[in-house]
Amino acid sequence: MAAVSGERPTITHVIFDMDGLLLDTEKFYTEVQEIILARFNKTFDWSLKAKMMGKKAIEAARVFVEETGISDSLSAEDFLEEREAMLQSLFPTSELMPGASRLIEHLHAKGVPICLATGSHRRHFELKTQRHGELFKLMHHIVLGDDPEVKQGKPSPDVFLAAARRFEGGPIGSQKILVFEDAPAGVHAAKNAGIYIALRLIA
């Protein structure tokens, strides 16, 4: 699906999100968070998931404990610590989403500059991609959630603005960039960066 406004731009560069778009990792977060909430007789639904997707870990954690009403029993920091222990064993099993490899390899073969802009921090990125290193090497550069230039997570545009600056000859004008995203916060981040085309699904 694409959100398009104004005249069709000449796209020269592409930025990819990662979780839920290139890698099937969102299910891990869902599984672990359902386990944690079950202790409090609460459920993890799509509306809560959508509010958390794309944000930095601590920002998403605050949303989680506050929206579910468990902040008096479980702090955002304690939630992250508990969740981390479970995720560490799941992330190395991450699979590519359908069509992800084909699209990345096609764009690279055509000489289209591509990069990754994700809210995942370095430790998680390395765990998630350890089975797919060759594919991610095709990215011109990678901007992670703990990058010094990323002061705020999505829907802040920080990660996309940093990504645009690091292309060869950058910064690249936002009207020349296409962002692939699957999360509402990521779509808003792209719009906030002035990138008015955001594709939410690749397959």
N, C-alpha and C. Protein backbone atom coordinates (compact mmCIF):
# COMPACT_ATOMS: atom_id res chain seq x y z
N MET A 1 0.85 -1.18 0.00
CA MET A 1 0.00 0.00 0.00
C MET A 1 0.89 1.23 0.00
N ALA A 2 0.49 2.26 -0.70
CA ALA A 2 1.30 3.45 -0.76
C ALA A 2 0.47 4.67 -0.43
N ALA A 3 1.07 5.61 0.26
CA ALA A 3 0.44 6.88 0.53
C ALA A 3 1.14 7.90 -0.34
N VAL A 4 0.40 8.51 -1.27
CA VAL A 4 1.01 9.40 -2.25
C VAL A 4 0.30 10.74 -2.21
N SER A 5 1.06 11.82 -2.19
CA SER A 5 0.46 13.14 -2.25
C SER A 5 1.24 13.98 -3.25
N GLY A 6 0.53 14.86 -3.97
CA GLY A 6 1.19 15.72 -4.94
C GLY A 6 1.64 14.95 -6.17
N GLU A 7 2.53 15.57 -6.95
CA GLU A 7 3.03 14.94 -8.15
C GLU A 7 3.95 13.77 -7.80
N ARG A 8 3.97 12.81 -8.70
CA ARG A 8 4.83 11.65 -8.48
C ARG A 8 6.29 12.07 -8.55
N PRO A 9 7.08 11.76 -7.51
CA PRO A 9 8.48 12.18 -7.49
C PRO A 9 9.37 11.24 -8.29
N THR A 10 10.59 11.66 -8.54
CA THR A 10 11.60 10.79 -9.13
C THR A 10 12.38 10.17 -7.99
N ILE A 11 12.12 8.90 -7.74
CA ILE A 11 12.76 8.21 -6.62
C ILE A 11 14.14 7.71 -7.04
N THR A 12 15.15 8.04 -6.24
CA THR A 12 16.51 7.60 -6.54
C THR A 12 17.11 6.75 -5.42
N HIS A 13 16.57 6.85 -4.21
CA HIS A 13 17.12 6.16 -3.05
C HIS A 13 16.01 5.50 -2.24
N VAL A 14 16.34 4.42 -1.56
CA VAL A 14 15.35 3.66 -0.79
C VAL A 14 15.85 3.42 0.63
N ILE A 15 14.95 3.62 1.59
CA ILE A 15 15.23 3.33 3.00
C ILE A 15 14.28 2.24 3.47
N PHE A 16 14.81 1.23 4.13
CA PHE A 16 14.00 0.14 4.67
C PHE A 16 13.93 0.19 6.19
N ASP A 17 12.74 -0.06 6.73
CA ASP A 17 12.60 -0.45 8.12
C ASP A 17 13.04 -1.91 8.19
N MET A 18 13.09 -2.48 9.38
CA MET A 18 13.53 -3.88 9.48
C MET A 18 12.48 -4.79 10.12
N ASP A 19 12.15 -4.53 11.38
CA ASP A 19 11.28 -5.45 12.13
C ASP A 19 9.86 -5.47 11.56
N GLY A 20 9.40 -6.66 11.21
CA GLY A 20 8.07 -6.80 10.66
C GLY A 20 7.98 -6.51 9.18
N LEU A 21 9.05 -5.98 8.61
CA LEU A 21 9.07 -5.65 7.19
C LEU A 21 10.06 -6.54 6.45
N LEU A 22 11.31 -6.53 6.85
CA LEU A 22 12.33 -7.41 6.27
C LEU A 22 12.49 -8.69 7.07
N LEU A 23 12.37 -8.58 8.38
CA LEU A 23 12.51 -9.74 9.26
C LEU A 23 11.22 -9.99 10.03
N ASP A 24 10.87 -11.26 10.15
CA ASP A 24 9.64 -11.64 10.85
C ASP A 24 9.92 -11.73 12.35
N THR A 25 10.11 -10.57 12.96
CA THR A 25 10.48 -10.53 14.38
C THR A 25 9.36 -10.05 15.29
N GLU A 26 8.35 -9.41 14.73
CA GLU A 26 7.28 -8.87 15.57
C GLU A 26 6.60 -9.97 16.38
N LYS A 27 6.56 -11.18 15.82
CA LYS A 27 5.91 -12.28 16.54
C LYS A 27 6.63 -12.60 17.85
N PHE A 28 7.95 -12.37 17.88
CA PHE A 28 8.70 -12.63 19.11
C PHE A 28 8.29 -11.66 20.22
N TYR A 29 8.18 -10.40 19.85
CA TYR A 29 7.75 -9.40 20.82
C TYR A 29 6.35 -9.72 21.33
N THR A 30 5.47 -10.11 20.41
CA THR A 30 4.10 -10.44 20.80
C THR A 30 4.08 -11.62 21.76
N GLU A 31 4.81 -12.67 21.42
CA GLU A 31 4.84 -13.87 22.26
C GLU A 31 5.32 -13.56 23.68
N VAL A 32 6.41 -12.84 23.77
CA VAL A 32 6.99 -12.54 25.08
C VAL A 32 6.09 -11.61 25.89
N GLN A 33 5.53 -10.62 25.23
CA GLN A 33 4.69 -9.65 25.94
C GLN A 33 3.37 -10.27 26.38
N GLU A 34 2.87 -11.22 25.63
CA GLU A 34 1.68 -11.95 26.05
C GLU A 34 1.96 -12.75 27.32
N ILE A 35 3.14 -13.36 27.39
CA ILE A 35 3.53 -14.13 28.58
C ILE A 35 3.60 -13.23 29.81
N ILE A 36 4.21 -12.06 29.63
CA ILE A 36 4.34 -11.14 30.76
C ILE A 36 2.98 -10.63 31.23
N LEU A 37 2.13 -10.26 30.30
CA LEU A 37 0.82 -9.73 30.67
C LEU A 37 -0.09 -10.77 31.28
N ALA A 38 0.10 -12.03 30.91
CA ALA A 38 -0.75 -13.10 31.45
C ALA A 38 -0.66 -13.17 32.97
N ARG A 39 0.48 -12.80 33.52
CA ARG A 39 0.64 -12.79 34.97
C ARG A 39 -0.29 -11.80 35.65
N PHE A 40 -0.67 -10.79 34.89
CA PHE A 40 -1.55 -9.74 35.44
C PHE A 40 -2.98 -9.89 34.93
N ASN A 41 -3.26 -11.06 34.31
CA ASN A 41 -4.59 -11.33 33.75
C ASN A 41 -5.00 -10.28 32.72
N LYS A 42 -4.04 -9.87 31.91
CA LYS A 42 -4.30 -8.90 30.85
C LYS A 42 -3.85 -9.48 29.51
N THR A 43 -4.37 -8.90 28.44
CA THR A 43 -4.05 -9.40 27.10
C THR A 43 -3.30 -8.35 26.30
N PHE A 44 -2.55 -8.83 25.33
CA PHE A 44 -1.77 -7.97 24.44
C PHE A 44 -2.50 -7.90 23.11
N ASP A 45 -3.05 -6.73 22.76
CA ASP A 45 -3.83 -6.63 21.53
C ASP A 45 -3.15 -5.73 20.50
N TRP A 46 -3.77 -5.67 19.32
CA TRP A 46 -3.17 -4.94 18.21
C TRP A 46 -3.04 -3.45 18.50
N SER A 47 -4.01 -2.85 19.17
CA SER A 47 -3.95 -1.41 19.43
C SER A 47 -2.73 -1.06 20.27
N LEU A 48 -2.41 -1.90 21.24
CA LEU A 48 -1.22 -1.67 22.06
C LEU A 48 0.04 -1.92 21.25
N LYS A 49 0.03 -2.99 20.47
CA LYS A 49 1.19 -3.31 19.64
C LYS A 49 1.51 -2.17 18.68
N ALA A 50 0.47 -1.59 18.07
CA ALA A 50 0.67 -0.51 17.11
C ALA A 50 1.30 0.71 17.77
N LYS A 51 0.94 0.97 19.02
CA LYS A 51 1.51 2.11 19.73
C LYS A 51 2.98 1.90 20.08
N MET A 52 3.39 0.65 20.19
CA MET A 52 4.77 0.33 20.57
C MET A 52 5.71 0.20 19.38
N MET A 53 5.18 -0.23 18.25
CA MET A 53 6.01 -0.54 17.08
C MET A 53 6.81 0.67 16.61
N GLY A 54 8.08 0.43 16.34
CA GLY A 54 8.94 1.46 15.77
C GLY A 54 9.61 2.36 16.78
N LYS A 55 9.18 2.31 18.03
CA LYS A 55 9.74 3.19 19.05
C LYS A 55 11.02 2.59 19.63
N LYS A 56 11.83 3.45 20.25
CA LYS A 56 12.98 2.95 21.00
C LYS A 56 12.48 2.08 22.14
N ALA A 57 13.34 1.18 22.60
CA ALA A 57 12.92 0.19 23.59
C ALA A 57 12.31 0.81 24.84
N ILE A 58 12.97 1.80 25.43
CA ILE A 58 12.45 2.37 26.67
C ILE A 58 11.15 3.12 26.44
N GLU A 59 11.01 3.75 25.27
CA GLU A 59 9.76 4.45 24.95
C GLU A 59 8.63 3.45 24.80
N ALA A 60 8.89 2.35 24.11
CA ALA A 60 7.87 1.31 23.94
C ALA A 60 7.52 0.67 25.28
N ALA A 61 8.52 0.50 26.13
CA ALA A 61 8.28 -0.10 27.45
C ALA A 61 7.36 0.77 28.30
N ARG A 62 7.56 2.07 28.23
CA ARG A 62 6.69 2.98 28.99
C ARG A 62 5.26 2.89 28.49
N VAL A 63 5.10 2.82 27.17
CA VAL A 63 3.76 2.65 26.61
C VAL A 63 3.14 1.36 27.13
N PHE A 64 3.91 0.30 27.14
CA PHE A 64 3.43 -1.02 27.55
C PHE A 64 2.90 -1.02 28.98
N VAL A 65 3.70 -0.54 29.92
CA VAL A 65 3.28 -0.62 31.33
C VAL A 65 2.20 0.40 31.66
N GLU A 66 2.21 1.54 30.98
CA GLU A 66 1.21 2.56 31.26
C GLU A 66 -0.14 2.23 30.63
N GLU A 67 -0.13 1.80 29.38
CA GLU A 67 -1.38 1.50 28.69
C GLU A 67 -2.09 0.29 29.30
N THR A 68 -1.33 -0.64 29.84
CA THR A 68 -1.94 -1.84 30.43
C THR A 68 -2.26 -1.67 31.91
N GLY A 69 -1.86 -0.54 32.48
CA GLY A 69 -2.18 -0.27 33.87
C GLY A 69 -1.38 -1.07 34.88
N ILE A 70 -0.20 -1.53 34.48
CA ILE A 70 0.60 -2.36 35.40
C ILE A 70 1.84 -1.62 35.90
N SER A 71 1.91 -0.32 35.64
CA SER A 71 3.13 0.43 35.98
C SER A 71 3.42 0.45 37.48
N ASP A 72 2.39 0.29 38.31
CA ASP A 72 2.62 0.24 39.76
C ASP A 72 3.27 -1.08 40.19
N SER A 73 3.08 -2.11 39.37
CA SER A 73 3.62 -3.44 39.69
C SER A 73 4.88 -3.77 38.92
N LEU A 74 5.04 -3.17 37.75
CA LEU A 74 6.18 -3.47 36.89
C LEU A 74 6.65 -2.19 36.22
N SER A 75 7.87 -1.78 36.51
CA SER A 75 8.40 -0.56 35.89
C SER A 75 8.80 -0.85 34.45
N ALA A 76 8.95 0.20 33.67
CA ALA A 76 9.39 0.05 32.28
C ALA A 76 10.75 -0.63 32.23
N GLU A 77 11.63 -0.26 33.15
CA GLU A 77 12.98 -0.83 33.17
C GLU A 77 12.96 -2.32 33.53
N ASP A 78 12.12 -2.69 34.50
CA ASP A 78 12.02 -4.10 34.89
C ASP A 78 11.38 -4.93 33.78
N PHE A 79 10.41 -4.32 33.10
CA PHE A 79 9.78 -4.99 31.96
C PHE A 79 10.82 -5.31 30.88
N LEU A 80 11.66 -4.33 30.57
CA LEU A 80 12.69 -4.54 29.55
C LEU A 80 13.67 -5.63 29.95
N GLU A 81 14.04 -5.65 31.21
CA GLU A 81 14.99 -6.66 31.68
C GLU A 81 14.39 -8.06 31.57
N GLU A 82 13.13 -8.19 31.95
CA GLU A 82 12.46 -9.49 31.87
C GLU A 82 12.27 -9.92 30.42
N ARG A 83 11.84 -8.97 29.59
CA ARG A 83 11.61 -9.27 28.18
C ARG A 83 12.91 -9.64 27.48
N GLU A 84 13.98 -8.93 27.81
CA GLU A 84 15.27 -9.15 27.16
C GLU A 84 15.75 -10.58 27.32
N ALA A 85 15.58 -11.12 28.51
CA ALA A 85 16.05 -12.48 28.78
C ALA A 85 15.38 -13.48 27.85
N MET A 86 14.11 -13.27 27.54
CA MET A 86 13.39 -14.18 26.66
C MET A 86 13.71 -13.93 25.19
N LEU A 87 13.84 -12.66 24.82
CA LEU A 87 14.10 -12.33 23.42
C LEU A 87 15.47 -12.78 22.94
N GLN A 88 16.45 -12.78 23.84
CA GLN A 88 17.82 -13.15 23.46
C GLN A 88 17.88 -14.53 22.81
N SER A 89 17.03 -15.43 23.26
CA SER A 89 17.05 -16.78 22.70
C SER A 89 16.22 -16.90 21.42
N LEU A 90 15.34 -15.94 21.18
CA LEU A 90 14.45 -16.00 20.02
C LEU A 90 15.02 -15.28 18.80
N PHE A 91 15.66 -14.15 19.00
CA PHE A 91 16.12 -13.34 17.88
C PHE A 91 17.03 -14.07 16.89
N PRO A 92 17.94 -14.94 17.33
CA PRO A 92 18.80 -15.62 16.35
C PRO A 92 18.04 -16.53 15.39
N THR A 93 16.78 -16.82 15.67
CA THR A 93 15.98 -17.67 14.78
C THR A 93 15.17 -16.85 13.77
N SER A 94 15.40 -15.54 13.72
CA SER A 94 14.62 -14.65 12.86
C SER A 94 14.67 -15.09 11.40
N GLU A 95 13.49 -15.10 10.76
CA GLU A 95 13.38 -15.45 9.34
C GLU A 95 13.09 -14.19 8.53
N LEU A 96 13.48 -14.22 7.26
CA LEU A 96 13.16 -13.13 6.35
C LEU A 96 11.68 -13.14 6.02
N MET A 97 11.10 -11.96 5.85
CA MET A 97 9.72 -11.86 5.41
C MET A 97 9.64 -12.23 3.93
N PRO A 98 8.49 -12.73 3.47
CA PRO A 98 8.34 -13.08 2.06
C PRO A 98 8.63 -11.89 1.15
N GLY A 99 9.44 -12.10 0.15
CA GLY A 99 9.75 -11.06 -0.82
C GLY A 99 10.89 -10.13 -0.43
N ALA A 100 11.34 -10.18 0.82
CA ALA A 100 12.36 -9.25 1.28
C ALA A 100 13.68 -9.43 0.54
N SER A 101 14.16 -10.65 0.47
CA SER A 101 15.44 -10.91 -0.19
C SER A 101 15.37 -10.55 -1.67
N ARG A 102 14.29 -10.93 -2.32
CA ARG A 102 14.13 -10.66 -3.75
C ARG A 102 14.17 -9.16 -4.04
N LEU A 103 13.47 -8.37 -3.22
CA LEU A 103 13.41 -6.93 -3.45
C LEU A 103 14.76 -6.27 -3.21
N ILE A 104 15.41 -6.61 -2.11
CA ILE A 104 16.71 -6.01 -1.80
C ILE A 104 17.73 -6.35 -2.88
N GLU A 105 17.78 -7.61 -3.29
CA GLU A 105 18.74 -8.03 -4.30
C GLU A 105 18.45 -7.37 -5.65
N HIS A 106 17.18 -7.19 -5.97
CA HIS A 106 16.80 -6.54 -7.23
C HIS A 106 17.26 -5.08 -7.24
N LEU A 107 16.97 -4.35 -6.17
CA LEU A 107 17.36 -2.94 -6.11
C LEU A 107 18.88 -2.80 -6.15
N HIS A 108 19.57 -3.66 -5.43
CA HIS A 108 21.03 -3.60 -5.43
C HIS A 108 21.59 -3.88 -6.82
N ALA A 109 21.02 -4.87 -7.50
CA ALA A 109 21.48 -5.22 -8.85
C ALA A 109 21.26 -4.08 -9.83
N LYS A 110 20.21 -3.29 -9.60
CA LYS A 110 19.88 -2.16 -10.48
C LYS A 110 20.66 -0.90 -10.11
N GLY A 111 21.47 -0.99 -9.07
CA GLY A 111 22.28 0.15 -8.67
C GLY A 111 21.55 1.21 -7.87
N VAL A 112 20.40 0.84 -7.30
CA VAL A 112 19.64 1.78 -6.48
C VAL A 112 20.25 1.81 -5.07
N PRO A 113 20.67 2.96 -4.58
CA PRO A 113 21.23 3.02 -3.22
C PRO A 113 20.15 2.70 -2.18
N ILE A 114 20.43 1.74 -1.32
CA ILE A 114 19.48 1.32 -0.30
C ILE A 114 20.16 1.34 1.07
N CYS A 115 19.36 1.59 2.10
CA CYS A 115 19.90 1.55 3.45
C CYS A 115 18.83 1.08 4.41
N LEU A 116 19.23 0.86 5.65
CA LEU A 116 18.33 0.40 6.70
C LEU A 116 18.23 1.47 7.78
N ALA A 117 17.01 1.72 8.26
CA ALA A 117 16.78 2.66 9.36
C ALA A 117 15.82 1.99 10.34
N THR A 118 16.36 1.52 11.44
CA THR A 118 15.57 0.72 12.37
C THR A 118 15.68 1.23 13.80
N GLY A 119 14.63 1.01 14.57
CA GLY A 119 14.66 1.37 15.97
C GLY A 119 15.43 0.37 16.82
N SER A 120 15.78 -0.77 16.26
CA SER A 120 16.54 -1.78 17.01
C SER A 120 17.93 -1.26 17.35
N HIS A 121 18.39 -1.53 18.57
CA HIS A 121 19.75 -1.14 18.92
C HIS A 121 20.72 -2.22 18.44
N ARG A 122 22.01 -1.93 18.55
CA ARG A 122 23.02 -2.77 17.91
C ARG A 122 22.98 -4.23 18.38
N ARG A 123 22.85 -4.45 19.67
CA ARG A 123 22.87 -5.83 20.18
C ARG A 123 21.73 -6.64 19.57
N HIS A 124 20.54 -6.06 19.53
CA HIS A 124 19.40 -6.77 18.94
C HIS A 124 19.58 -6.94 17.44
N PHE A 125 20.09 -5.91 16.77
CA PHE A 125 20.30 -6.00 15.34
C PHE A 125 21.23 -7.16 15.00
N GLU A 126 22.30 -7.30 15.73
CA GLU A 126 23.26 -8.37 15.46
C GLU A 126 22.65 -9.75 15.69
N LEU A 127 21.82 -9.88 16.71
CA LEU A 127 21.16 -11.16 16.97
C LEU A 127 20.15 -11.49 15.88
N LYS A 128 19.38 -10.50 15.48
CA LYS A 128 18.32 -10.72 14.50
C LYS A 128 18.86 -11.04 13.11
N THR A 129 19.99 -10.47 12.76
CA THR A 129 20.51 -10.60 11.39
C THR A 129 21.64 -11.61 11.26
N GLN A 130 21.97 -12.34 12.31
CA GLN A 130 23.16 -13.19 12.23
C GLN A 130 23.04 -14.31 11.20
N ARG A 131 21.82 -14.68 10.82
CA ARG A 131 21.64 -15.70 9.78
C ARG A 131 21.50 -15.08 8.39
N HIS A 132 21.47 -13.75 8.32
CA HIS A 132 21.20 -13.08 7.04
C HIS A 132 22.23 -11.99 6.75
N GLY A 133 23.43 -12.20 7.23
CA GLY A 133 24.47 -11.18 7.10
C GLY A 133 24.77 -10.76 5.68
N GLU A 134 24.80 -11.71 4.75
CA GLU A 134 25.14 -11.39 3.36
C GLU A 134 24.11 -10.46 2.75
N LEU A 135 22.85 -10.64 3.08
CA LEU A 135 21.80 -9.78 2.53
C LEU A 135 21.93 -8.36 3.07
N PHE A 136 22.16 -8.23 4.35
CA PHE A 136 22.25 -6.89 4.94
C PHE A 136 23.53 -6.17 4.56
N LYS A 137 24.52 -6.90 4.06
CA LYS A 137 25.73 -6.26 3.56
C LYS A 137 25.45 -5.47 2.28
N LEU A 138 24.32 -5.72 1.64
CA LEU A 138 23.97 -5.00 0.42
C LEU A 138 23.50 -3.58 0.71
N MET A 139 23.23 -3.28 1.97
CA MET A 139 22.82 -1.93 2.36
C MET A 139 24.01 -0.98 2.28
N HIS A 140 23.80 0.20 1.74
CA HIS A 140 24.86 1.20 1.69
C HIS A 140 25.29 1.58 3.09
N HIS A 141 24.34 1.71 3.99
CA HIS A 141 24.63 1.99 5.39
C HIS A 141 23.44 1.57 6.24
N ILE A 142 23.66 1.50 7.54
CA ILE A 142 22.63 1.07 8.48
C ILE A 142 22.59 2.05 9.65
N VAL A 143 21.39 2.56 9.95
CA VAL A 143 21.20 3.46 11.08
C VAL A 143 20.36 2.74 12.12
N LEU A 144 20.90 2.61 13.33
CA LEU A 144 20.24 1.87 14.40
C LEU A 144 19.63 2.81 15.43
N GLY A 145 18.79 2.25 16.27
CA GLY A 145 18.08 3.06 17.26
C GLY A 145 18.97 3.69 18.30
N ASP A 146 20.16 3.11 18.54
CA ASP A 146 21.07 3.69 19.52
C ASP A 146 22.17 4.53 18.87
N ASP A 147 21.95 4.90 17.61
CA ASP A 147 22.88 5.79 16.92
C ASP A 147 22.86 7.17 17.60
N PRO A 148 24.02 7.81 17.77
CA PRO A 148 24.07 9.12 18.42
C PRO A 148 23.19 10.18 17.77
N GLU A 149 22.93 10.05 16.47
CA GLU A 149 22.11 11.04 15.78
C GLU A 149 20.62 10.80 15.97
N VAL A 150 20.27 9.65 16.49
CA VAL A 150 18.85 9.32 16.69
C VAL A 150 18.50 9.65 18.14
N LYS A 151 18.07 10.87 18.36
CA LYS A 151 17.76 11.34 19.71
C LYS A 151 16.43 10.78 20.20
N GLN A 152 15.48 10.64 19.29
CA GLN A 152 14.16 10.13 19.63
C GLN A 152 13.76 9.05 18.64
N GLY A 153 12.98 8.08 19.12
CA GLY A 153 12.51 7.02 18.24
C GLY A 153 11.34 7.49 17.38
N LYS A 154 10.91 6.64 16.48
CA LYS A 154 9.75 6.93 15.65
C LYS A 154 8.53 7.13 16.55
N PRO A 155 7.65 8.07 16.26
CA PRO A 155 7.44 8.82 15.01
C PRO A 155 8.32 10.05 14.80
N SER A 156 9.30 10.28 15.66
CA SER A 156 10.28 11.33 15.37
C SER A 156 10.99 10.95 14.06
N PRO A 157 11.33 11.93 13.24
CA PRO A 157 11.99 11.63 11.95
C PRO A 157 13.48 11.37 12.06
N ASP A 158 14.04 11.38 13.28
CA ASP A 158 15.49 11.33 13.45
C ASP A 158 16.18 10.23 12.65
N VAL A 159 15.66 9.01 12.74
CA VAL A 159 16.34 7.87 12.11
C VAL A 159 16.34 7.99 10.59
N PHE A 160 15.25 8.53 10.01
CA PHE A 160 15.20 8.69 8.56
C PHE A 160 16.05 9.86 8.09
N LEU A 161 16.09 10.93 8.88
CA LEU A 161 16.94 12.07 8.51
C LEU A 161 18.41 11.67 8.55
N ALA A 162 18.78 10.89 9.57
CA ALA A 162 20.16 10.41 9.65
C ALA A 162 20.49 9.51 8.46
N ALA A 163 19.54 8.66 8.09
CA ALA A 163 19.75 7.75 6.96
C ALA A 163 19.92 8.54 5.66
N ALA A 164 19.12 9.57 5.47
CA ALA A 164 19.21 10.38 4.25
C ALA A 164 20.55 11.10 4.15
N ARG A 165 21.08 11.52 5.29
CA ARG A 165 22.36 12.25 5.29
C ARG A 165 23.54 11.37 4.91
N ARG A 166 23.42 10.07 5.14
CA ARG A 166 24.59 9.20 5.00
C ARG A 166 24.73 8.53 3.63
N PHE A 167 23.78 8.74 2.76
CA PHE A 167 23.96 8.25 1.40
C PHE A 167 25.12 9.00 0.75
N GLU A 168 25.80 8.36 -0.17
CA GLU A 168 26.88 9.02 -0.90
C GLU A 168 26.33 10.27 -1.57
N GLY A 169 27.00 11.40 -1.36
CA GLY A 169 26.53 12.65 -1.92
C GLY A 169 25.42 13.29 -1.10
N GLY A 170 25.13 12.70 0.07
CA GLY A 170 24.03 13.17 0.91
C GLY A 170 24.30 14.53 1.53
N PRO A 171 23.26 15.16 2.15
CA PRO A 171 21.95 14.53 2.34
C PRO A 171 21.13 14.50 1.05
N ILE A 172 20.37 13.44 0.90
CA ILE A 172 19.50 13.28 -0.25
C ILE A 172 18.16 13.94 0.05
N GLY A 173 17.64 14.70 -0.90
CA GLY A 173 16.35 15.37 -0.71
C GLY A 173 15.24 14.37 -0.44
N SER A 174 14.36 14.70 0.49
CA SER A 174 13.31 13.77 0.89
C SER A 174 12.40 13.37 -0.26
N GLN A 175 12.24 14.26 -1.25
CA GLN A 175 11.36 13.96 -2.38
C GLN A 175 11.94 12.88 -3.29
N LYS A 176 13.20 12.52 -3.08
CA LYS A 176 13.84 11.49 -3.91
C LYS A 176 13.93 10.14 -3.20
N ILE A 177 13.38 10.08 -1.99
CA ILE A 177 13.52 8.86 -1.17
C ILE A 177 12.19 8.14 -1.04
N LEU A 178 12.25 6.83 -1.12
CA LEU A 178 11.09 5.98 -0.86
C LEU A 178 11.38 5.18 0.40
N VAL A 179 10.46 5.23 1.35
CA VAL A 179 10.60 4.49 2.60
C VAL A 179 9.66 3.30 2.58
N PHE A 180 10.18 2.13 2.92
CA PHE A 180 9.36 0.94 3.12
C PHE A 180 9.17 0.78 4.62
N GLU A 181 7.92 0.75 5.06
CA GLU A 181 7.58 0.68 6.48
C GLU A 181 6.37 -0.22 6.69
N ASP A 182 6.23 -0.75 7.90
CA ASP A 182 5.04 -1.53 8.23
C ASP A 182 4.34 -1.02 9.48
N ALA A 183 4.98 -0.13 10.23
CA ALA A 183 4.42 0.32 11.51
C ALA A 183 3.86 1.73 11.39
N PRO A 184 2.72 2.00 12.05
CA PRO A 184 2.15 3.35 12.03
C PRO A 184 3.14 4.41 12.48
N ALA A 185 3.91 4.14 13.53
CA ALA A 185 4.89 5.12 14.01
C ALA A 185 5.95 5.39 12.94
N GLY A 186 6.32 4.36 12.19
CA GLY A 186 7.30 4.53 11.13
C GLY A 186 6.78 5.33 9.96
N VAL A 187 5.51 5.11 9.61
CA VAL A 187 4.89 5.88 8.54
C VAL A 187 4.85 7.36 8.93
N HIS A 188 4.48 7.64 10.18
CA HIS A 188 4.46 9.02 10.66
C HIS A 188 5.86 9.61 10.68
N ALA A 189 6.85 8.80 11.03
CA ALA A 189 8.24 9.28 11.05
C ALA A 189 8.68 9.69 9.65
N ALA A 190 8.31 8.90 8.66
CA ALA A 190 8.66 9.22 7.27
C ALA A 190 8.00 10.52 6.84
N LYS A 191 6.74 10.68 7.20
CA LYS A 191 6.03 11.91 6.86
C LYS A 191 6.65 13.10 7.58
N ASN A 192 7.03 12.90 8.84
CA ASN A 192 7.65 13.99 9.61
C ASN A 192 9.02 14.36 9.06
N ALA A 193 9.63 13.44 8.32
CA ALA A 193 10.92 13.72 7.68
C ALA A 193 10.72 14.38 6.32
N GLY A 194 9.46 14.55 5.92
CA GLY A 194 9.17 15.15 4.63
C GLY A 194 9.18 14.15 3.50
N ILE A 195 9.24 12.87 3.84
CA ILE A 195 9.20 11.81 2.84
C ILE A 195 7.75 11.40 2.69
N TYR A 196 7.11 11.88 1.62
CA TYR A 196 5.65 11.75 1.57
C TYR A 196 5.16 10.49 0.89
N ILE A 197 6.06 9.59 0.54
CA ILE A 197 5.64 8.27 0.06
C ILE A 197 6.18 7.24 1.04
N ALA A 198 5.30 6.44 1.56
CA ALA A 198 5.72 5.39 2.50
C ALA A 198 5.00 4.12 2.14
N LEU A 199 5.73 3.09 1.78
CA LEU A 199 5.13 1.80 1.47
C LEU A 199 5.11 0.96 2.74
N ARG A 200 3.95 0.44 3.08
CA ARG A 200 3.82 -0.29 4.33
C ARG A 200 4.02 -1.79 4.17
N LEU A 201 3.85 -2.30 2.96
CA LEU A 201 4.00 -3.73 2.74
C LEU A 201 4.84 -3.97 1.50
N ILE A 202 5.68 -5.00 1.55
CA ILE A 202 6.49 -5.31 0.37
C ILE A 202 6.04 -6.61 -0.28
N ALA A 203 5.16 -7.35 0.34
CA ALA A 203 4.70 -8.59 -0.27
C ALA A 203 3.31 -8.90 0.24
